[in-house]
PDB file of N, CA and C in Angstrom:
ATOM      1  N   MET A   1      -0.813  -3.766  -9.512  1.00  0.00           N
ATOM      2  CA  MET A   1      -0.646  -5.124  -8.735  1.00  0.00           C
ATOM      3  C   MET A   1      -2.202  -5.636  -8.742  1.00  0.00           C
ATOM      4  N   ASP A   2      -2.565  -6.737  -9.539  1.00  0.00           N
ATOM      5  CA  ASP A   2      -3.687  -7.217  -9.765  1.00  0.00           C
ATOM      6  C   ASP A   2      -4.109  -8.053  -8.624  1.00  0.00           C
ATOM      7  N   LYS A   3      -3.141  -8.406  -7.562  1.00  0.00           N
ATOM      8  CA  LYS A   3      -3.500  -9.205  -6.412  1.00  0.00           C
ATOM      9  C   LYS A   3      -4.437  -8.494  -5.501  1.00  0.00           C
ATOM     10  N   LEU A   4      -4.506  -7.122  -5.670  1.00  0.00           N
ATOM     11  CA  LEU A   4      -5.299  -6.476  -4.609  1.00  0.00           C
ATOM     12  C   LEU A   4      -6.813  -6.478  -5.085  1.00  0.00           C
ATOM     13  N   GLY A   5      -7.099  -6.449  -6.267  1.00  0.00           N
ATOM     14  CA  GLY A   5      -8.327  -6.688  -6.663  1.00  0.00           C
ATOM     15  C   GLY A   5      -9.353  -5.611  -6.189  1.00  0.00           C
ATOM     16  N   SER A   6     -10.495  -6.244  -5.489  1.00  0.00           N
ATOM     17  CA  SER A   6     -11.453  -5.362  -4.899  1.00  0.00           C
ATOM     18  C   SER A   6     -11.346  -5.531  -3.342  1.00  0.00           C
ATOM     19  N   LYS A   7     -10.283  -5.888  -2.835  1.00  0.00           N
ATOM     20  CA  LYS A   7     -10.171  -6.052  -1.312  1.00  0.00           C
ATOM     21  C   LYS A   7     -10.452  -4.715  -0.649  1.00  0.00           C
ATOM     22  N   THR A   8     -10.871  -4.905   0.615  1.00  0.00           N
ATOM     23  CA  THR A   8     -11.083  -3.627   1.447  1.00  0.00           C
ATOM     24  C   THR A   8      -9.935  -3.409   2.458  1.00  0.00           C
ATOM     25  N   ILE A   9      -9.474  -4.623   2.892  1.00  0.00           N
ATOM     26  CA  ILE A   9      -8.377  -4.647   3.927  1.00  0.00           C
ATOM     27  C   ILE A   9      -7.202  -5.395   3.584  1.00  0.00           C
ATOM     28  N   ILE A  10      -6.038  -4.899   3.628  1.00  0.00           N
ATOM     29  CA  ILE A  10      -4.687  -5.665   3.535  1.00  0.00           C
ATOM     30  C   ILE A  10      -4.244  -5.860   4.795  1.00  0.00           C
ATOM     31  N   GLY A  11      -4.168  -7.132   5.214  1.00  0.00           N
ATOM     32  CA  GLY A  11      -3.704  -7.338   6.605  1.00  0.00           C
ATOM     33  C   GLY A  11      -2.328  -7.392   6.934  1.00  0.00           C
ATOM     34  N   ALA A  12      -1.870  -7.474   8.210  1.00  0.00           N
ATOM     35  CA  ALA A  12      -0.577  -7.413   8.704  1.00  0.00           C
ATOM     36  C   ALA A  12       0.477  -8.177   7.863  1.00  0.00           C
ATOM     37  N   GLY A  13       1.395  -7.594   7.366  1.00  0.00           N
ATOM     38  CA  GLY A  13       2.543  -8.387   6.711  1.00  0.00           C
ATOM     39  C   GLY A  13       2.129  -8.969   5.269  1.00  0.00           C
ATOM     40  N   ALA A  14       1.076  -8.612   4.685  1.00  0.00           N
ATOM     41  CA  ALA A  14       0.440  -9.328   3.632  1.00  0.00           C
ATOM     42  C   ALA A  14       1.397  -9.443   2.378  1.00  0.00           C
ATOM     43  N   PHE A  15       1.961  -8.248   2.097  1.00  0.00           N
ATOM     44  CA  PHE A  15       2.845  -8.143   0.880  1.00  0.00           C
ATOM     45  C   PHE A  15       4.274  -7.766   1.319  1.00  0.00           C
ATOM     46  N   SER A  16       4.644  -8.242   2.522  1.00  0.00           N
ATOM     47  CA  SER A  16       5.945  -7.850   3.137  1.00  0.00           C
ATOM     48  C   SER A  16       7.031  -8.501   2.441  1.00  0.00           C
ATOM     49  N   ASN A  17       8.236  -8.053   2.094  1.00  0.00           N
ATOM     50  CA  ASN A  17       9.411  -8.633   1.614  1.00  0.00           C
ATOM     51  C   ASN A  17       9.165  -9.296   0.230  1.00  0.00           C
ATOM     52  N   ASN A  18       8.431  -8.603  -0.623  1.00  0.00           N
ATOM     53  CA  ASN A  18       8.198  -9.131  -2.028  1.00  0.00           C
ATOM     54  C   ASN A  18       8.770  -8.518  -3.207  1.00  0.00           C
ATOM     55  N   GLY A  19       9.686  -7.678  -2.849  1.00  0.00           N
ATOM     56  CA  GLY A  19      10.481  -6.911  -4.015  1.00  0.00           C
ATOM     57  C   GLY A  19       9.625  -6.075  -4.806  1.00  0.00           C
ATOM     58  N   LEU A  20       8.480  -5.658  -4.292  1.00  0.00           N
ATOM     59  CA  LEU A  20       7.620  -4.697  -5.035  1.00  0.00           C
ATOM     60  C   LEU A  20       8.496  -3.233  -5.206  1.00  0.00           C
ATOM     61  N   THR A  21       8.167  -2.575  -6.396  1.00  0.00           N
ATOM     62  CA  THR A  21       8.859  -1.393  -6.727  1.00  0.00           C
ATOM     63  C   THR A  21       7.934  -0.311  -6.820  1.00  0.00           C
ATOM     64  N   ALA A  22       6.607  -0.664  -7.231  1.00  0.00           N
ATOM     65  CA  ALA A  22       5.681   0.329  -7.512  1.00  0.00           C
ATOM     66  C   ALA A  22       4.219  -0.262  -6.919  1.00  0.00           C
ATOM     67  N   LEU A  23       3.467   0.854  -6.521  1.00  0.00           N
ATOM     68  CA  LEU A  23       2.098   0.210  -5.955  1.00  0.00           C
ATOM     69  C   LEU A  23       1.045   1.233  -6.219  1.00  0.00           C
ATOM     70  N   SER A  24      -0.098   0.826  -6.783  1.00  0.00           N
ATOM     71  CA  SER A  24      -1.258   1.594  -6.963  1.00  0.00           C
ATOM     72  C   SER A  24      -2.461   0.926  -6.344  1.00  0.00           C
ATOM     73  N   ILE A  25      -2.878   1.598  -5.180  1.00  0.00           N
ATOM     74  CA  ILE A  25      -3.895   0.991  -4.380  1.00  0.00           C
ATOM     75  C   ILE A  25      -5.276   1.102  -4.903  1.00  0.00           C
ATOM     76  N   PRO A  26      -6.183   0.149  -5.149  1.00  0.00           N
ATOM     77  CA  PRO A  26      -7.517   0.281  -5.662  1.00  0.00           C
ATOM     78  C   PRO A  26      -8.418   1.100  -4.841  1.00  0.00           C
ATOM     79  N   SER A  27      -9.419   1.639  -5.294  1.00  0.00           N
ATOM     80  CA  SER A  27     -10.269   2.582  -4.677  1.00  0.00           C
ATOM     81  C   SER A  27     -11.318   1.863  -3.630  1.00  0.00           C
ATOM     82  N   SER A  28     -11.215   0.542  -3.827  1.00  0.00           N
ATOM     83  CA  SER A  28     -12.059  -0.253  -2.739  1.00  0.00           C
ATOM     84  C   SER A  28     -11.444  -0.354  -1.549  1.00  0.00           C
ATOM     85  N   LEU A  29     -10.096  -0.122  -1.417  1.00  0.00           N
ATOM     86  CA  LEU A  29      -9.280  -0.314  -0.072  1.00  0.00           C
ATOM     87  C   LEU A  29      -9.447   0.613   0.830  1.00  0.00           C
ATOM     88  N   THR A  30      -9.744   0.336   2.161  1.00  0.00           N
ATOM     89  CA  THR A  30      -9.958   1.313   3.303  1.00  0.00           C
ATOM     90  C   THR A  30      -8.838   1.051   4.406  1.00  0.00           C
ATOM     91  N   THR A  31      -8.275  -0.138   4.437  1.00  0.00           N
ATOM     92  CA  THR A  31      -7.409  -0.305   5.536  1.00  0.00           C
ATOM     93  C   THR A  31      -6.108  -0.987   5.130  1.00  0.00           C
ATOM     94  N   ILE A  32      -4.931  -0.338   5.542  1.00  0.00           N
ATOM     95  CA  ILE A  32      -3.727  -1.058   5.360  1.00  0.00           C
ATOM     96  C   ILE A  32      -3.142  -1.571   6.671  1.00  0.00           C
ATOM     97  N   GLY A  33      -2.890  -2.806   6.815  1.00  0.00           N
ATOM     98  CA  GLY A  33      -2.295  -3.331   8.151  1.00  0.00           C
ATOM     99  C   GLY A  33      -0.833  -3.130   8.438  1.00  0.00           C
ATOM    100  N   TYR A  34      -0.563  -3.291   9.613  1.00  0.00           N
ATOM    101  CA  TYR A  34       0.781  -3.310  10.196  1.00  0.00           C
ATOM    102  C   TYR A  34       1.703  -3.996   9.264  1.00  0.00           C
ATOM    103  N   GLN A  35       2.865  -3.207   8.791  1.00  0.00           N
ATOM    104  CA  GLN A  35       3.783  -3.773   7.891  1.00  0.00           C
ATOM    105  C   GLN A  35       3.265  -4.597   6.646  1.00  0.00           C
ATOM    106  N   ALA A  36       2.143  -4.058   6.125  1.00  0.00           N
ATOM    107  CA  ALA A  36       1.486  -4.858   5.100  1.00  0.00           C
ATOM    108  C   ALA A  36       2.406  -4.742   3.756  1.00  0.00           C
ATOM    109  N   PHE A  37       3.084  -3.688   3.599  1.00  0.00           N
ATOM    110  CA  PHE A  37       4.076  -3.592   2.521  1.00  0.00           C
ATOM    111  C   PHE A  37       5.578  -3.352   2.816  1.00  0.00           C
ATOM    112  N   SER A  38       5.926  -3.805   3.958  1.00  0.00           N
ATOM    113  CA  SER A  38       7.304  -3.430   4.596  1.00  0.00           C
ATOM    114  C   SER A  38       8.351  -4.180   3.864  1.00  0.00           C
ATOM    115  N   PHE A  39       9.505  -3.801   3.856  1.00  0.00           N
ATOM    116  CA  PHE A  39      10.732  -4.495   3.350  1.00  0.00           C
ATOM    117  C   PHE A  39      10.495  -4.805   1.880  1.00  0.00           C
ATOM    118  N   ASN A  40      10.067  -3.838   1.178  1.00  0.00           N
ATOM    119  CA  ASN A  40      10.088  -3.808  -0.291  1.00  0.00           C
ATOM    120  C   ASN A  40      10.910  -2.801  -0.825  1.00  0.00           C
ATOM    121  N   ALA A  41      10.765  -2.435  -2.193  1.00  0.00           N
ATOM    122  CA  ALA A  41      11.560  -1.461  -2.885  1.00  0.00           C
ATOM    123  C   ALA A  41      10.636  -0.398  -3.484  1.00  0.00           C
ATOM    124  N   ILE A  42       9.499  -0.152  -2.871  1.00  0.00           N
ATOM    125  CA  ILE A  42       8.406   0.606  -3.382  1.00  0.00           C
ATOM    126  C   ILE A  42       9.050   2.173  -3.514  1.00  0.00           C
ATOM    127  N   ARG A  43       8.972   2.551  -4.822  1.00  0.00           N
ATOM    128  CA  ARG A  43       9.474   3.979  -5.215  1.00  0.00           C
ATOM    129  C   ARG A  43       8.256   4.929  -5.334  1.00  0.00           C
ATOM    130  N   SER A  44       7.083   4.353  -5.858  1.00  0.00           N
ATOM    131  CA  SER A  44       5.967   5.201  -6.190  1.00  0.00           C
ATOM    132  C   SER A  44       4.836   4.691  -5.566  1.00  0.00           C
ATOM    133  N   LEU A  45       3.979   5.482  -5.002  1.00  0.00           N
ATOM    134  CA  LEU A  45       2.815   5.035  -4.112  1.00  0.00           C
ATOM    135  C   LEU A  45       1.537   6.069  -4.397  1.00  0.00           C
ATOM    136  N   VAL A  46       0.501   5.521  -4.702  1.00  0.00           N
ATOM    137  CA  VAL A  46      -0.730   6.163  -5.033  1.00  0.00           C
ATOM    138  C   VAL A  46      -1.772   5.690  -4.017  1.00  0.00           C
ATOM    139  N   LEU A  47      -2.278   6.486  -3.093  1.00  0.00           N
ATOM    140  CA  LEU A  47      -3.189   6.162  -2.083  1.00  0.00           C
ATOM    141  C   LEU A  47      -4.616   6.929  -2.384  1.00  0.00           C
ATOM    142  N   PRO A  48      -5.728   6.272  -2.673  1.00  0.00           N
ATOM    143  CA  PRO A  48      -6.933   6.967  -2.932  1.00  0.00           C
ATOM    144  C   PRO A  48      -7.575   7.451  -1.652  1.00  0.00           C
ATOM    145  N   ASN A  49      -8.685   8.259  -1.982  1.00  0.00           N
ATOM    146  CA  ASN A  49      -9.448   8.828  -0.676  1.00  0.00           C
ATOM    147  C   ASN A  49     -10.087   7.556   0.162  1.00  0.00           C
ATOM    148  N   SER A  50     -10.282   6.461  -0.460  1.00  0.00           N
ATOM    149  CA  SER A  50     -10.956   5.451   0.301  1.00  0.00           C
ATOM    150  C   SER A  50     -10.029   4.907   1.443  1.00  0.00           C
ATOM    151  N   VAL A  51      -8.711   5.063   1.454  1.00  0.00           N
ATOM    152  CA  VAL A  51      -8.021   4.631   2.476  1.00  0.00           C
ATOM    153  C   VAL A  51      -7.996   5.555   3.695  1.00  0.00           C
ATOM    154  N   VAL A  52      -8.616   5.007   4.854  1.00  0.00           N
ATOM    155  CA  VAL A  52      -8.812   5.755   5.993  1.00  0.00           C
ATOM    156  C   VAL A  52      -7.841   5.384   7.144  1.00  0.00           C
ATOM    157  N   THR A  53      -7.453   4.034   7.086  1.00  0.00           N
ATOM    158  CA  THR A  53      -6.577   3.639   8.092  1.00  0.00           C
ATOM    159  C   THR A  53      -5.247   3.035   7.567  1.00  0.00           C
ATOM    160  N   ILE A  54      -4.139   3.580   8.092  1.00  0.00           N
ATOM    161  CA  ILE A  54      -2.694   2.961   7.696  1.00  0.00           C
ATOM    162  C   ILE A  54      -2.135   2.771   8.968  1.00  0.00           C
ATOM    163  N   ALA A  55      -1.859   1.489   9.094  1.00  0.00           N
ATOM    164  CA  ALA A  55      -1.228   0.942  10.414  1.00  0.00           C
ATOM    165  C   ALA A  55       0.197   1.384  10.514  1.00  0.00           C
ATOM    166  N   ASP A  56       0.730   1.335  11.707  1.00  0.00           N
ATOM    167  CA  ASP A  56       2.173   1.606  11.921  1.00  0.00           C
ATOM    168  C   ASP A  56       3.009   0.769  10.956  1.00  0.00           C
ATOM    169  N   GLN A  57       4.155   1.327  10.525  1.00  0.00           N
ATOM    170  CA  GLN A  57       5.098   0.665   9.693  1.00  0.00           C
ATOM    171  C   GLN A  57       4.547  -0.138   8.285  1.00  0.00           C
ATOM    172  N   ALA A  58       3.414   0.364   7.888  1.00  0.00           N
ATOM    173  CA  ALA A  58       2.767  -0.276   6.788  1.00  0.00           C
ATOM    174  C   ALA A  58       3.621  -0.232   5.588  1.00  0.00           C
ATOM    175  N   PHE A  59       4.639   0.720   5.449  1.00  0.00           N
ATOM    176  CA  PHE A  59       5.424   0.938   4.251  1.00  0.00           C
ATOM    177  C   PHE A  59       6.986   1.054   4.829  1.00  0.00           C
ATOM    178  N   TYR A  60       7.151   0.445   5.976  1.00  0.00           N
ATOM    179  CA  TYR A  60       8.512   0.453   6.506  1.00  0.00           C
ATOM    180  C   TYR A  60       9.575  -0.149   5.615  1.00  0.00           C
ATOM    181  N   ASN A  61      10.707   0.514   5.634  1.00  0.00           N
ATOM    182  CA  ASN A  61      11.897   0.096   4.869  1.00  0.00           C
ATOM    183  C   ASN A  61      11.544  -0.089   3.329  1.00  0.00           C
ATOM    184  N   ASN A  62      11.129   0.904   2.731  1.00  0.00           N
ATOM    185  CA  ASN A  62      10.763   1.181   1.231  1.00  0.00           C
ATOM    186  C   ASN A  62      11.746   2.259   0.783  1.00  0.00           C
ATOM    187  N   ARG A  63      11.549   2.698  -0.462  1.00  0.00           N
ATOM    188  CA  ARG A  63      12.227   3.715  -1.058  1.00  0.00           C
ATOM    189  C   ARG A  63      11.255   4.768  -1.734  1.00  0.00           C
ATOM    190  N   ILE A  64      10.285   5.261  -0.968  1.00  0.00           N
ATOM    191  CA  ILE A  64       9.199   5.910  -1.593  1.00  0.00           C
ATOM    192  C   ILE A  64       9.813   7.371  -2.073  1.00  0.00           C
ATOM    193  N   ALA A  65       9.657   7.653  -3.237  1.00  0.00           N
ATOM    194  CA  ALA A  65      10.243   8.863  -3.847  1.00  0.00           C
ATOM    195  C   ALA A  65       8.999   9.699  -4.358  1.00  0.00           C
ATOM    196  N   SER A  66       7.947   9.170  -4.717  1.00  0.00           N
ATOM    197  CA  SER A  66       6.816   9.667  -5.223  1.00  0.00           C
ATOM    198  C   SER A  66       5.582   9.085  -4.369  1.00  0.00           C
ATOM    199  N   LEU A  67       4.783  10.247  -3.927  1.00  0.00           N
ATOM    200  CA  LEU A  67       3.546   9.715  -3.048  1.00  0.00           C
ATOM    201  C   LEU A  67       2.457  10.692  -3.408  1.00  0.00           C
ATOM    202  N   SER A  68       1.368  10.063  -3.913  1.00  0.00           N
ATOM    203  CA  SER A  68       0.114  10.900  -4.273  1.00  0.00           C
ATOM    204  C   SER A  68      -1.008  10.465  -3.323  1.00  0.00           C
ATOM    205  N   LEU A  69      -1.515  11.301  -2.495  1.00  0.00           N
ATOM    206  CA  LEU A  69      -2.651  11.144  -1.688  1.00  0.00           C
ATOM    207  C   LEU A  69      -3.851  11.618  -1.992  1.00  0.00           C
ATOM    208  N   GLY A  70      -4.950  10.881  -1.781  1.00  0.00           N
ATOM    209  CA  GLY A  70      -6.280  11.461  -2.207  1.00  0.00           C
ATOM    210  C   GLY A  70      -6.533  11.274  -3.630  1.00  0.00           C
ATOM    211  N   ALA A  71      -6.014  10.321  -4.326  1.00  0.00           N
ATOM    212  CA  ALA A  71      -6.044  10.173  -5.818  1.00  0.00           C
ATOM    213  C   ALA A  71      -7.273   9.133  -5.962  1.00  0.00           C
ATOM    214  N   SER A  72      -7.775   9.309  -7.256  1.00  0.00           N
ATOM    215  CA  SER A  72      -8.808   8.365  -7.748  1.00  0.00           C
ATOM    216  C   SER A  72      -8.053   7.269  -8.574  1.00  0.00           C
ATOM    217  N   THR A  73      -8.383   6.035  -8.234  1.00  0.00           N
ATOM    218  CA  THR A  73      -7.820   5.076  -8.965  1.00  0.00           C
ATOM    219  C   THR A  73      -8.728   4.029  -9.499  1.00  0.00           C
TER     220      THR A  73
END
């Protein structure tokens, strides 16, 4: 997802209800806001070590089958 670029914070509901199926978070990101990626169809998620805060329901109502924590992207 190129829209994330070098952002450090993804705000509340920023990518909610967008039909996303996969997500790779860039290493610049530190904070994921409330329901930032809710109501999508994300099946694969990679979170780098840089992410230190994940708000409630950030990935609510998705289909995450593959999760990688502490990965370098």
